[in-house]
Structure formats: structure tokens, C-alpha cells
Amino acid sequence: GVGMGMTAPVSITAFPAEDGSLQQKVKVSLRIPSQFQANPPCPSDESIKIEERQGMTIYSTQFGGYAKETDYVSYAAKLKAALGSEAAYRKDFYFCNGYDPPMKPYGRRNEVWFVKE
């Protein structure tokens, strides 16, 4: 019965296939606002889980516009190329993050994160 509103970023865990495309399984994560973090309300939907995301070091790239799956895949490939073979990061997933509400037409911020190993 508690409304929390939207938070940023909306973070989608993407699971890349061998060819770089995304598998059909994704996990969408929303940040719980600060005032609810100590005692978050219990979800009434069993498919919603509360997780604590541990601290992490990431490699990141940023881009604008209304991001689509193809944009995230493209920028993930660019980030991978920029990092080269020397950087150690998780290859089995990455995060696709959007920071803006749908009604914001300009100055949008999106990011791809690779988690450093």
C-alpha cells in the first residue's frame, strides 16, 4: 500500500548471447528510495524480489537519446572494444541503465556498465 514513485537509474541486467545479441531473459532493477532502504515495504507480487546490490567497480560508457535494445548492444560492443583484452570484467552479464522519465525529450542519459572482476 506504499507508493514509492520512480527512481533512477532503471537498471536492466542483460545476458549477452555468443553473437553479442541479448538473450530473452532480463532482470529489471529499481533503486529503493533512501527513506525506505532501512525497512522496505514487502512486495505483494511474488515475482518482485528485494535484493541488496553489493558495492562494485564498473567500466562504463554513456550515450543519449531514447535507448533501444540495439543501442545497448552497440554501446556494449564499443565499450568491449575500448577495454581491449587486458581488462578483467564479467562477460556473462552487463547492466543497461536509463536515468530519465519517458516524457523527457532532450538531454537523455543512458549507460552500459561492465562489472570489474
Protein backbone atom coordinates (compact mmCIF):
# COMPACT_ATOMS: atom_id res chain seq x y z
CA GLY A 1 0.00 0.00 0.00
CA VAL A 2 3.02 2.33 -0.16
CA GLY A 3 3.78 4.21 -3.37
CA MET A 4 7.45 4.99 -3.94
CA GLY A 5 7.43 6.56 -7.41
CA MET A 6 10.14 6.01 -9.99
CA THR A 7 13.82 6.15 -9.12
CA ALA A 8 16.90 6.42 -11.29
CA PRO A 9 18.55 4.66 -12.77
CA VAL A 10 16.28 1.94 -14.04
CA SER A 11 18.81 -0.85 -14.38
CA ILE A 12 18.32 -3.83 -16.67
CA THR A 13 20.63 -6.81 -16.29
CA ALA A 14 21.34 -8.03 -19.82
CA PHE A 15 22.62 -11.50 -20.59
CA PRO A 16 24.51 -11.47 -23.92
CA ALA A 17 24.43 -14.40 -26.33
CA GLU A 18 27.58 -15.60 -28.13
CA ASP A 19 26.91 -13.22 -31.05
CA GLY A 20 26.53 -10.19 -28.74
CA SER A 21 22.73 -10.02 -29.03
CA LEU A 22 20.72 -10.17 -25.83
CA GLN A 23 19.04 -13.34 -24.61
CA GLN A 24 15.33 -13.06 -23.91
CA LYS A 25 15.84 -13.18 -20.14
CA VAL A 26 16.35 -9.85 -18.40
CA LYS A 27 16.14 -8.56 -14.85
CA VAL A 28 14.84 -5.05 -14.23
CA SER A 29 16.05 -3.34 -11.04
CA LEU A 30 14.79 -0.16 -9.42
CA ARG A 31 16.53 1.66 -6.60
CA ILE A 32 14.56 1.80 -3.37
CA PRO A 33 14.40 5.45 -2.22
CA SER A 34 16.60 6.33 0.75
CA GLN A 35 13.72 6.75 3.22
CA PHE A 36 12.61 3.13 2.58
CA GLN A 37 16.00 1.38 2.45
CA ALA A 38 16.26 0.52 6.15
CA ASN A 39 12.82 -1.12 6.14
CA PRO A 40 11.47 -1.57 2.59
CA PRO A 41 7.79 -2.42 2.15
CA CYS A 42 7.13 -6.07 1.32
CA PRO A 43 6.14 -6.62 -2.31
CA SER A 44 2.64 -8.01 -2.82
CA ASP A 45 3.67 -9.63 -6.14
CA GLU A 46 5.75 -12.83 -5.76
CA SER A 47 7.76 -12.04 -8.89
CA ILE A 48 9.19 -8.93 -7.22
CA LYS A 49 12.22 -9.53 -5.02
CA ILE A 50 14.19 -7.14 -2.84
CA GLU A 51 17.93 -7.55 -3.34
CA GLU A 52 20.85 -5.71 -1.88
CA ARG A 53 23.35 -4.90 -4.60
CA GLN A 54 26.86 -5.07 -3.23
CA GLY A 55 29.40 -2.36 -3.99
CA MET A 56 31.13 -2.82 -7.31
CA THR A 57 33.67 -1.22 -9.59
CA ILE A 58 32.41 -0.75 -13.12
CA TYR A 59 33.60 0.17 -16.58
CA SER A 60 31.01 2.47 -18.11
CA THR A 61 30.05 4.27 -21.28
CA GLN A 62 27.33 6.91 -21.63
CA PHE A 63 25.07 7.87 -24.54
CA GLY A 64 21.96 9.94 -25.16
CA GLY A 65 18.57 9.54 -26.83
CA TYR A 66 15.72 7.10 -26.32
CA ALA A 67 17.70 3.89 -25.83
CA LYS A 68 16.57 0.70 -27.52
CA GLU A 69 17.99 -2.79 -27.17
CA THR A 70 20.09 -2.28 -30.31
CA ASP A 71 21.64 0.85 -28.76
CA TYR A 72 22.65 -1.00 -25.60
CA VAL A 73 24.11 -3.88 -27.65
CA SER A 74 26.02 -1.40 -29.85
CA TYR A 75 27.43 0.59 -26.92
CA ALA A 76 28.34 -2.63 -25.07
CA ALA A 77 30.34 -3.68 -28.15
CA LYS A 78 32.05 -0.25 -28.23
CA LEU A 79 32.90 -0.49 -24.53
CA LYS A 80 34.26 -4.01 -25.02
CA ALA A 81 36.45 -2.78 -27.91
CA ALA A 82 37.68 0.22 -25.90
CA LEU A 83 38.66 -2.02 -22.96
CA GLY A 84 40.53 -4.49 -25.15
CA SER A 85 41.71 -7.83 -23.86
CA GLU A 86 43.57 -6.56 -20.80
CA ALA A 87 40.56 -5.51 -18.67
CA ALA A 88 39.01 -8.20 -16.47
CA TYR A 89 35.24 -7.90 -16.23
CA ARG A 90 32.16 -10.15 -16.06
CA LYS A 91 31.29 -11.44 -19.53
CA ASP A 92 28.08 -13.29 -18.58
CA PHE A 93 26.01 -10.14 -17.96
CA TYR A 94 26.12 -6.35 -18.03
CA PHE A 95 23.86 -3.52 -16.89
CA CYS A 96 21.83 -1.24 -19.16
CA ASN A 97 20.83 1.90 -17.28
CA GLY A 98 18.38 4.68 -18.07
CA TYR A 99 18.14 7.81 -15.95
CA ASP A 100 15.28 9.80 -17.44
CA PRO A 101 11.46 9.64 -17.46
CA PRO A 102 9.85 8.80 -20.81
CA MET A 103 8.48 12.33 -21.22
CA LYS A 104 11.95 13.94 -21.24
CA PRO A 105 12.71 14.51 -24.95
CA TYR A 106 16.21 16.05 -24.78
CA GLY A 107 19.39 15.59 -22.78
CA ARG A 108 18.67 11.94 -22.00
CA ARG A 109 21.31 9.83 -20.22
CA ASN A 110 21.86 6.11 -20.71
CA GLU A 111 24.80 3.97 -19.64
CA VAL A 112 26.22 0.50 -20.16
CA TRP A 113 28.13 -0.95 -17.18
CA PHE A 114 30.55 -3.87 -17.17
CA VAL A 115 31.37 -5.13 -13.66
CA LYS A 116 35.10 -5.35 -12.98
CA GLU A 117 36.32 -8.71 -11.70
